[in-house]
Amino acid sequence: MRSVSDAGSITASAGGAPDWRWALPRIALLFVATRLLLVAIAAIVETTQAAPPAGVRWTDAPLLASLTVFDGRYYLGIAAAGYHAAPVYGSYVDYAFFPLYPALVRLASLLTIGNVDLAGVLVANGAFGAALVALYALSIRHLSREDALWSLVFLALAPGAVAFGLAYTDALFLLLAVGAFLAAENRRLAVMGLLFALATLTRPPGILLGLPLLVLILRDPELRARRSWAWLLLGPVALAGFAAHTWALTGDPLAWLHAQALWSQQGDLGTGAGGSAAGSSGSGAGVGIATGGALLLAAWFGTLLFYLALFVFVRRDRMALPYALVAVLAVATIFSAGRLQSIPRYLAVGWPFDWTLALRTSRWVRIVVPGVFVALQCVFAWLAFTWQAAP
């Protein structure tokens, strides 16, 4: 049986060196096709649906209005004007959002002549394209080249992959997380530590990547002897730096953590008019899901149950413990955040799930699962672009 490699040394290779002449055109096709899908949904929404109430969008520019919804407004606001000590929308503070993505958007806006909307979308989608390439380079060490490519297909078509095309941090986080593991497997520990620190500055769960990375290091006798784990201290240092910044801004040494708790307490599960997912992202729009709430709940929970079912194959595939932990952390993020509507996108960054799917070669997995994934991604994109449920 083909399996995810689980050798004692982290340098073991399953598929050999990447054949980029074979892989890159296919990765590019997958990237372009999935970007066009999101753009098509956004275009249909904007030409057929009434605009949401005034004041809930960051921009009214065509297409960009859809691709900068919900949390994107906060990230772009930080990119444009920095953090604010006072709430920005309603009772929601923007220092709940971590700084790396807004900083990159601010930098990219120099190339877009100050247009942070366009810069935000370009950074997110550029990061996703780079993440596909990096993930293929990592996957080929554990899978055959065909299975490695299939894992990218499952990732790009996943129900929560809609967030990879929005002004969100998911694509950047995926790139940095995959890059950290790839660097660790190549024994480039300084690069691993730097990427881990940057992932920590991208979103709160980033600090948790230190656990599987530590396990990955300890499983290699050479790295364990060199105390290479010390490079992982860069993650906590980066988090402490952000905490110091928010402390100086607010006078509260745990301001960012309290802000996270505030969002979890005030954000609901995105069902029912007047208690919408839009409200859970601080829009104050009162846009809710008036009908189909039960079906949407089924879609959210169904997505979670499907990914949980993939754990059945973890032992069968002899998946290395560090990567099994990445999958566990993706699930744990859901429960720590308490946001039902975000189940799909939290799971989408758990790329080991896609490895388990890629190793299933039945027609059901290779045809039916991608079809269902695309259908759900279209539904979740439609709900996001019509301001009914945040990704």
Protein backbone atom coordinates (compact mmCIF):
# COMPACT_ATOMS: atom_id res chain seq x y z
CA MET A 1 0.00 0.00 0.00
CA ARG A 2 1.25 3.47 -0.81
CA SER A 3 1.72 5.49 2.34
CA VAL A 4 2.89 8.72 3.82
CA SER A 5 6.51 8.16 4.79
CA ASP A 6 7.14 7.77 8.50
CA ALA A 7 10.86 7.27 8.67
CA GLY A 8 12.90 8.10 11.74
CA SER A 9 14.89 10.66 9.78
CA ILE A 10 13.02 13.64 8.41
CA THR A 11 15.00 13.52 5.18
CA ALA A 12 13.33 10.40 3.79
CA SER A 13 11.82 10.87 0.32
CA ALA A 14 8.92 8.99 -1.26
CA GLY A 15 8.50 10.57 -4.69
CA GLY A 16 12.03 11.78 -5.29
CA ALA A 17 13.04 15.23 -6.47
CA PRO A 18 10.19 17.29 -7.95
CA ASP A 19 9.88 17.22 -11.73
CA TRP A 20 8.96 20.88 -12.07
CA ARG A 21 8.55 20.71 -15.84
CA TRP A 22 5.76 18.23 -15.24
CA ALA A 23 4.32 19.78 -12.08
CA LEU A 24 4.37 23.55 -12.60
CA PRO A 25 2.03 23.70 -15.63
CA ARG A 26 -0.49 21.54 -13.77
CA ILE A 27 -0.21 23.60 -10.61
CA ALA A 28 -0.63 26.80 -12.64
CA LEU A 29 -3.75 25.38 -14.32
CA LEU A 30 -5.23 24.45 -10.94
CA PHE A 31 -4.46 27.90 -9.56
CA VAL A 32 -5.97 29.77 -12.52
CA ALA A 33 -9.07 27.56 -12.67
CA THR A 34 -9.89 28.00 -8.99
CA ARG A 35 -9.27 31.77 -9.13
CA LEU A 36 -11.61 32.05 -12.11
CA LEU A 37 -14.26 30.11 -10.20
CA LEU A 38 -14.25 32.63 -7.36
CA VAL A 39 -14.23 35.59 -9.73
CA ALA A 40 -17.18 34.10 -11.64
CA ILE A 41 -19.21 33.66 -8.44
CA ALA A 42 -18.38 37.21 -7.34
CA ALA A 43 -19.40 38.57 -10.74
CA ILE A 44 -22.72 36.71 -10.69
CA VAL A 45 -23.46 37.89 -7.15
CA GLU A 46 -22.69 41.51 -7.93
CA THR A 47 -24.82 41.54 -11.08
CA THR A 48 -27.83 39.68 -9.69
CA GLN A 49 -28.02 40.51 -5.98
CA ALA A 50 -28.80 43.72 -4.19
CA ALA A 51 -25.85 45.36 -2.45
CA PRO A 52 -25.71 44.98 1.36
CA PRO A 53 -26.62 47.94 3.58
CA ALA A 54 -24.30 50.92 3.39
CA GLY A 55 -21.25 50.84 5.59
CA VAL A 56 -20.55 47.12 5.74
CA ARG A 57 -18.13 46.87 2.81
CA TRP A 58 -14.59 48.10 2.67
CA THR A 59 -14.96 49.08 -0.98
CA ASP A 60 -17.65 49.22 -3.66
CA ALA A 61 -15.20 48.50 -6.49
CA PRO A 62 -16.38 45.68 -8.78
CA LEU A 63 -15.14 42.21 -7.73
CA LEU A 64 -12.92 43.70 -5.04
CA ALA A 65 -16.08 44.43 -3.03
CA SER A 66 -16.76 40.70 -2.83
CA LEU A 67 -13.16 39.65 -2.27
CA THR A 68 -12.64 42.00 0.70
CA VAL A 69 -15.68 40.98 2.78
CA PHE A 70 -15.98 40.49 6.54
CA ASP A 71 -12.56 40.17 8.23
CA GLY A 72 -10.94 41.57 5.12
CA ARG A 73 -12.20 45.03 6.12
CA TYR A 74 -10.22 44.87 9.33
CA TYR A 75 -7.03 43.67 7.67
CA LEU A 76 -7.26 46.35 5.00
CA GLY A 77 -8.07 48.96 7.62
CA ILE A 78 -4.93 48.01 9.55
CA ALA A 79 -2.91 48.11 6.33
CA ALA A 80 -4.23 51.58 5.56
CA ALA A 81 -4.10 53.23 8.98
CA GLY A 82 -2.53 50.87 11.53
CA TYR A 83 -4.11 49.58 14.73
CA HIS A 84 -6.68 51.49 16.75
CA ALA A 85 -7.08 51.44 20.51
CA ALA A 86 -10.83 52.03 20.20
CA PRO A 87 -13.30 49.68 18.48
CA VAL A 88 -13.55 50.11 14.72
CA TYR A 89 -16.89 48.51 13.85
CA GLY A 90 -19.40 48.36 16.69
CA SER A 91 -17.65 46.90 19.74
CA TYR A 92 -14.97 45.03 17.79
CA VAL A 93 -11.30 46.00 18.06
CA ASP A 94 -8.87 45.48 15.22
CA TYR A 95 -5.90 44.33 17.31
CA ALA A 96 -7.56 40.92 17.47
CA PHE A 97 -5.99 40.53 14.00
CA PHE A 98 -2.29 39.77 13.71
CA PRO A 99 0.05 42.12 11.84
CA LEU A 100 2.02 40.26 9.16
CA TYR A 101 -0.64 40.13 6.45
CA PRO A 102 -1.63 43.83 6.84
CA ALA A 103 2.06 44.76 6.77
CA LEU A 104 2.56 42.88 3.50
CA VAL A 105 -0.57 44.49 2.07
CA ARG A 106 0.75 47.92 3.03
CA LEU A 107 4.01 47.10 1.28
CA ALA A 108 2.23 45.75 -1.80
CA SER A 109 0.08 48.89 -1.96
CA LEU A 110 3.20 50.74 -3.05
CA LEU A 111 2.94 48.76 -6.29
CA THR A 112 -0.80 49.33 -6.62
CA ILE A 113 -0.49 53.11 -6.21
CA GLY A 114 -2.01 53.07 -2.75
CA ASN A 115 -4.93 50.78 -3.58
CA VAL A 116 -5.02 48.54 -0.50
CA ASP A 117 -8.10 46.67 -1.79
CA LEU A 118 -6.24 45.38 -4.81
CA ALA A 119 -3.06 44.86 -2.79
CA GLY A 120 -4.89 42.74 -0.23
CA VAL A 121 -6.36 40.46 -2.87
CA LEU A 122 -3.06 40.19 -4.75
CA VAL A 123 -1.10 39.30 -1.60
CA ALA A 124 -3.60 36.61 -0.60
CA ASN A 125 -3.80 35.02 -4.04
CA GLY A 126 -0.08 35.34 -4.65
CA ALA A 127 0.55 33.59 -1.33
CA PHE A 128 -1.85 30.83 -2.33
CA GLY A 129 -0.07 30.26 -5.62
CA ALA A 130 3.26 30.08 -3.80
CA ALA A 131 1.73 27.78 -1.18
CA LEU A 132 0.66 25.31 -3.89
CA VAL A 133 4.24 25.16 -5.19
CA ALA A 134 5.71 24.80 -1.68
CA LEU A 135 3.19 22.15 -0.72
CA TYR A 136 3.99 20.14 -3.83
CA ALA A 137 7.69 20.30 -2.92
CA LEU A 138 6.83 18.99 0.56
CA SER A 139 4.28 16.43 -0.59
CA ILE A 140 6.58 14.85 -3.16
CA ARG A 141 8.81 13.80 -0.27
CA HIS A 142 5.97 11.66 1.10
CA LEU A 143 3.80 10.79 -1.92
CA SER A 144 4.19 9.84 -5.55
CA ARG A 145 4.13 12.77 -7.97
CA GLU A 146 0.56 11.97 -9.07
CA ASP A 147 -0.69 11.68 -5.49
CA ALA A 148 1.16 14.87 -4.55
CA LEU A 149 -0.67 16.69 -7.34
CA TRP A 150 -3.99 15.17 -6.27
CA SER A 151 -3.39 16.49 -2.76
CA LEU A 152 -3.18 19.99 -4.24
CA VAL A 153 -6.45 19.41 -6.10
CA PHE A 154 -8.22 18.47 -2.88
CA LEU A 155 -6.71 21.49 -1.14
CA ALA A 156 -7.64 24.01 -3.84
CA LEU A 157 -11.19 22.65 -4.22
CA ALA A 158 -11.87 22.24 -0.49
CA PRO A 159 -15.08 23.85 0.80
CA GLY A 160 -13.09 26.34 2.88
CA ALA A 161 -10.64 27.17 0.10
CA VAL A 162 -12.78 30.17 -0.74
CA ALA A 163 -10.82 32.01 1.97
CA PHE A 164 -7.60 31.54 -0.02
CA GLY A 165 -8.92 34.00 -2.60
CA LEU A 166 -10.14 36.65 -0.17
CA ALA A 167 -8.30 39.39 1.72
CA TYR A 168 -7.78 36.91 4.54
CA THR A 169 -4.68 35.43 6.17
CA ASP A 170 -5.36 31.77 5.35
CA ALA A 171 -3.27 31.59 2.18
CA LEU A 172 -0.31 33.36 3.77
CA PHE A 173 -0.53 31.14 6.85
CA LEU A 174 -0.61 28.02 4.67
CA LEU A 175 2.46 29.19 2.77
CA LEU A 176 4.46 29.93 5.93
CA ALA A 177 3.39 26.73 7.70
CA VAL A 178 4.26 24.51 4.74
CA GLY A 179 7.50 26.42 4.24
CA ALA A 180 8.49 25.86 7.87
CA PHE A 181 8.01 22.11 7.57
CA LEU A 182 9.81 21.98 4.24
CA ALA A 183 12.73 23.89 5.73
CA ALA A 184 12.80 21.53 8.72
CA GLU A 185 12.87 18.49 6.47
CA ASN A 186 15.74 20.04 4.55
CA ARG A 187 17.50 20.72 7.89
CA ARG A 188 17.50 24.47 7.29
CA LEU A 189 16.64 25.25 10.89
CA ALA A 190 17.20 29.00 10.83
CA VAL A 191 14.76 29.28 7.92
CA MET A 192 12.33 27.04 9.77
CA GLY A 193 12.48 29.24 12.85
CA LEU A 194 11.98 32.43 10.83
CA LEU A 195 8.99 31.02 8.95
CA PHE A 196 7.51 29.74 12.21
CA ALA A 197 7.87 33.23 13.71
CA LEU A 198 6.19 34.77 10.66
CA ALA A 199 3.36 32.23 10.83
CA THR A 200 2.92 33.20 14.49
CA LEU A 201 2.53 36.82 13.41
CA THR A 202 -0.07 35.84 10.80
CA ARG A 203 -2.82 34.33 12.92
CA PRO A 204 -3.20 33.15 16.55
CA PRO A 205 -2.98 29.38 15.85
CA GLY A 206 0.46 29.98 14.33
CA ILE A 207 2.15 29.57 17.69
CA LEU A 208 0.74 26.04 17.92
CA LEU A 209 2.81 24.97 14.91
CA GLY A 210 5.74 24.83 17.30
CA LEU A 211 4.49 21.50 18.67
CA PRO A 212 4.54 19.45 15.44
CA LEU A 213 7.75 21.18 14.37
CA LEU A 214 9.35 20.21 17.68
CA VAL A 215 8.25 16.61 17.21
CA LEU A 216 9.66 16.66 13.69
CA ILE A 217 13.02 17.82 15.00
CA LEU A 218 13.14 15.38 17.91
CA ARG A 219 12.48 12.45 15.60
CA ASP A 220 15.73 13.16 13.76
CA PRO A 221 18.73 11.97 15.82
CA GLU A 222 21.15 14.44 14.23
CA LEU A 223 18.96 17.47 14.82
CA ARG A 224 18.07 16.35 18.32
CA ALA A 225 21.75 16.13 19.21
CA ARG A 226 22.35 19.66 17.89
CA ARG A 227 19.53 21.12 20.03
CA SER A 228 17.97 22.51 16.89
CA TRP A 229 14.73 23.02 18.79
CA ALA A 230 16.15 26.34 20.01
CA TRP A 231 15.20 27.93 16.68
CA LEU A 232 11.56 27.40 17.63
CA LEU A 233 11.95 30.04 20.32
CA LEU A 234 11.58 32.61 17.55
CA GLY A 235 7.84 31.91 17.54
CA PRO A 236 7.23 32.93 21.18
CA VAL A 237 9.56 35.89 20.70
CA ALA A 238 7.48 37.08 17.75
CA LEU A 239 4.27 36.67 19.74
CA ALA A 240 5.76 38.59 22.65
CA GLY A 241 6.70 41.40 20.28
CA PHE A 242 3.12 41.72 19.05
CA ALA A 243 1.85 41.58 22.63
CA ALA A 244 4.23 44.40 23.54
CA HIS A 245 2.89 46.49 20.67
CA THR A 246 -0.75 46.05 21.70
CA TRP A 247 0.24 46.71 25.31
CA ALA A 248 1.74 50.03 24.30
CA LEU A 249 -1.39 50.80 22.26
CA THR A 250 -3.98 49.90 24.90
CA GLY A 251 -2.20 49.76 28.25
CA ASP A 252 -3.25 46.11 28.59
CA PRO A 253 -0.38 43.56 28.44
CA LEU A 254 -2.82 40.88 27.25
CA ALA A 255 -4.82 43.12 24.95
CA TRP A 256 -4.64 40.84 21.90
CA LEU A 257 -5.72 37.83 23.96
CA HIS A 258 -8.62 39.72 25.52
CA ALA A 259 -9.63 40.89 22.05
CA GLN A 260 -9.73 37.28 20.85
CA ALA A 261 -11.95 36.36 23.80
CA LEU A 262 -14.24 39.31 23.05
CA TRP A 263 -14.75 38.15 19.48
CA SER A 264 -15.45 34.59 20.59
CA GLN A 265 -18.03 35.79 23.13
CA GLN A 266 -19.84 38.21 20.85
CA GLY A 267 -19.60 36.23 17.64
CA ASP A 268 -22.48 33.82 17.13
CA LEU A 269 -22.73 30.81 14.89
CA GLY A 270 -24.08 32.63 11.91
CA THR A 271 -27.64 31.33 11.77
CA GLY A 272 -30.85 33.24 11.81
CA ALA A 273 -31.80 36.71 10.74
CA GLY A 274 -30.73 39.39 13.13
CA GLY A 275 -28.03 37.15 14.56
CA SER A 276 -25.93 36.74 11.51
CA ALA A 277 -22.44 35.70 10.73
CA ALA A 278 -22.06 39.20 9.44
CA GLY A 279 -22.59 40.33 12.98
CA SER A 280 -19.98 37.86 14.18
CA SER A 281 -17.47 39.71 12.09
CA GLY A 282 -18.50 43.06 13.40
CA SER A 283 -20.34 44.38 10.36
CA GLY A 284 -23.34 45.58 12.30
CA ALA A 285 -25.30 45.01 9.12
CA GLY A 286 -27.88 42.69 10.56
CA VAL A 287 -27.65 40.57 7.43
CA GLY A 288 -28.74 37.06 8.35
CA ILE A 289 -29.66 33.72 6.88
CA ALA A 290 -33.42 33.90 6.71
CA THR A 291 -33.93 30.51 5.09
CA GLY A 292 -32.02 27.29 4.73
CA GLY A 293 -30.42 27.56 8.15
CA ALA A 294 -30.77 23.84 8.80
CA LEU A 295 -29.16 22.98 5.47
CA LEU A 296 -26.30 25.35 6.18
CA LEU A 297 -25.75 23.81 9.60
CA ALA A 298 -25.70 20.40 7.92
CA ALA A 299 -23.10 21.66 5.44
CA TRP A 300 -20.87 23.01 8.21
CA PHE A 301 -21.15 19.93 10.40
CA GLY A 302 -20.97 17.62 7.39
CA THR A 303 -17.67 19.22 6.40
CA LEU A 304 -16.32 18.71 9.92
CA LEU A 305 -17.46 15.08 10.09
CA PHE A 306 -15.94 14.32 6.70
CA TYR A 307 -12.53 15.64 7.75
CA LEU A 308 -12.78 13.86 11.10
CA ALA A 309 -13.50 10.61 9.25
CA LEU A 310 -10.16 11.00 7.48
CA PHE A 311 -8.41 10.34 10.79
CA VAL A 312 -9.40 6.72 10.27
CA PHE A 313 -6.79 6.54 7.52
CA VAL A 314 -4.00 8.24 9.46
CA ARG A 315 -2.82 5.00 11.06
CA ARG A 316 -3.42 2.97 7.91
CA ASP A 317 -1.28 5.38 5.91
CA ARG A 318 1.37 5.42 8.66
CA MET A 319 1.33 9.20 8.58
CA ALA A 320 4.26 10.72 10.42
CA LEU A 321 3.25 12.01 13.83
CA PRO A 322 4.18 15.66 13.15
CA TYR A 323 1.77 15.82 10.22
CA ALA A 324 -0.96 14.01 12.11
CA LEU A 325 -0.56 16.74 14.73
CA VAL A 326 -1.01 19.42 12.05
CA ALA A 327 -4.37 17.85 11.21
CA VAL A 328 -5.29 17.67 14.91
CA LEU A 329 -4.43 21.35 15.37
CA ALA A 330 -6.64 22.31 12.41
CA VAL A 331 -9.57 20.66 14.16
CA ALA A 332 -8.62 22.08 17.56
CA THR A 333 -8.68 25.60 16.09
CA ILE A 334 -12.39 25.19 15.38
CA PHE A 335 -13.25 24.46 18.98
CA SER A 336 -10.94 27.10 20.42
CA ALA A 337 -12.43 29.79 18.15
CA GLY A 338 -16.03 28.63 18.61
CA ARG A 339 -17.08 29.80 15.15
CA LEU A 340 -19.25 27.32 13.35
CA GLN A 341 -19.23 29.21 10.06
CA SER A 342 -15.43 29.07 9.98
CA ILE A 343 -15.21 25.27 10.14
CA PRO A 344 -14.44 24.88 6.41
CA ARG A 345 -11.63 27.43 6.24
CA TYR A 346 -9.97 26.28 9.47
CA LEU A 347 -9.87 22.75 8.06
CA ALA A 348 -8.67 23.87 4.63
CA VAL A 349 -5.20 24.75 5.95
CA GLY A 350 -4.76 21.24 7.37
CA TRP A 351 -2.96 19.88 4.33
CA PRO A 352 -2.31 16.38 5.83
CA PHE A 353 -6.03 15.76 5.34
CA ASP A 354 -5.41 16.18 1.61
CA TRP A 355 -2.60 13.63 1.78
CA THR A 356 -4.99 11.03 3.16
CA LEU A 357 -7.47 11.81 0.40
CA ALA A 358 -4.78 11.65 -2.28
CA LEU A 359 -3.85 8.13 -1.18
CA ARG A 360 -7.41 6.96 -1.82
CA THR A 361 -7.53 5.98 -5.49
CA SER A 362 -11.15 4.89 -5.80
CA ARG A 363 -13.38 6.55 -8.37
CA TRP A 364 -15.59 7.82 -5.55
CA VAL A 365 -12.73 9.80 -4.04
CA ARG A 366 -11.25 11.04 -7.31
CA ILE A 367 -14.57 12.12 -8.89
CA VAL A 368 -17.34 12.47 -6.31
CA VAL A 369 -15.33 14.16 -3.54
CA PRO A 370 -13.97 16.96 -5.79
CA GLY A 371 -17.46 17.51 -7.16
CA VAL A 372 -18.96 17.83 -3.69
CA PHE A 373 -16.08 20.06 -2.61
CA VAL A 374 -16.64 22.44 -5.53
CA ALA A 375 -20.38 22.58 -4.86
CA LEU A 376 -19.82 23.43 -1.19
CA GLN A 377 -17.14 25.98 -2.04
CA CYS A 378 -19.58 27.70 -4.39
CA VAL A 379 -22.25 27.75 -1.68
CA PHE A 380 -19.88 29.18 0.93
CA ALA A 381 -18.55 31.75 -1.53
CA TRP A 382 -22.09 32.81 -2.42
CA LEU A 383 -23.00 33.23 1.26
CA ALA A 384 -19.86 35.27 1.89
CA PHE A 385 -20.28 37.50 -1.16
CA THR A 386 -23.94 38.15 -0.30
CA TRP A 387 -23.01 38.92 3.34
CA GLN A 388 -25.02 36.04 4.76
CA ALA A 389 -22.22 34.08 6.43
CA ALA A 390 -18.58 34.88 7.02
CA PRO A 391 -16.01 32.39 5.74
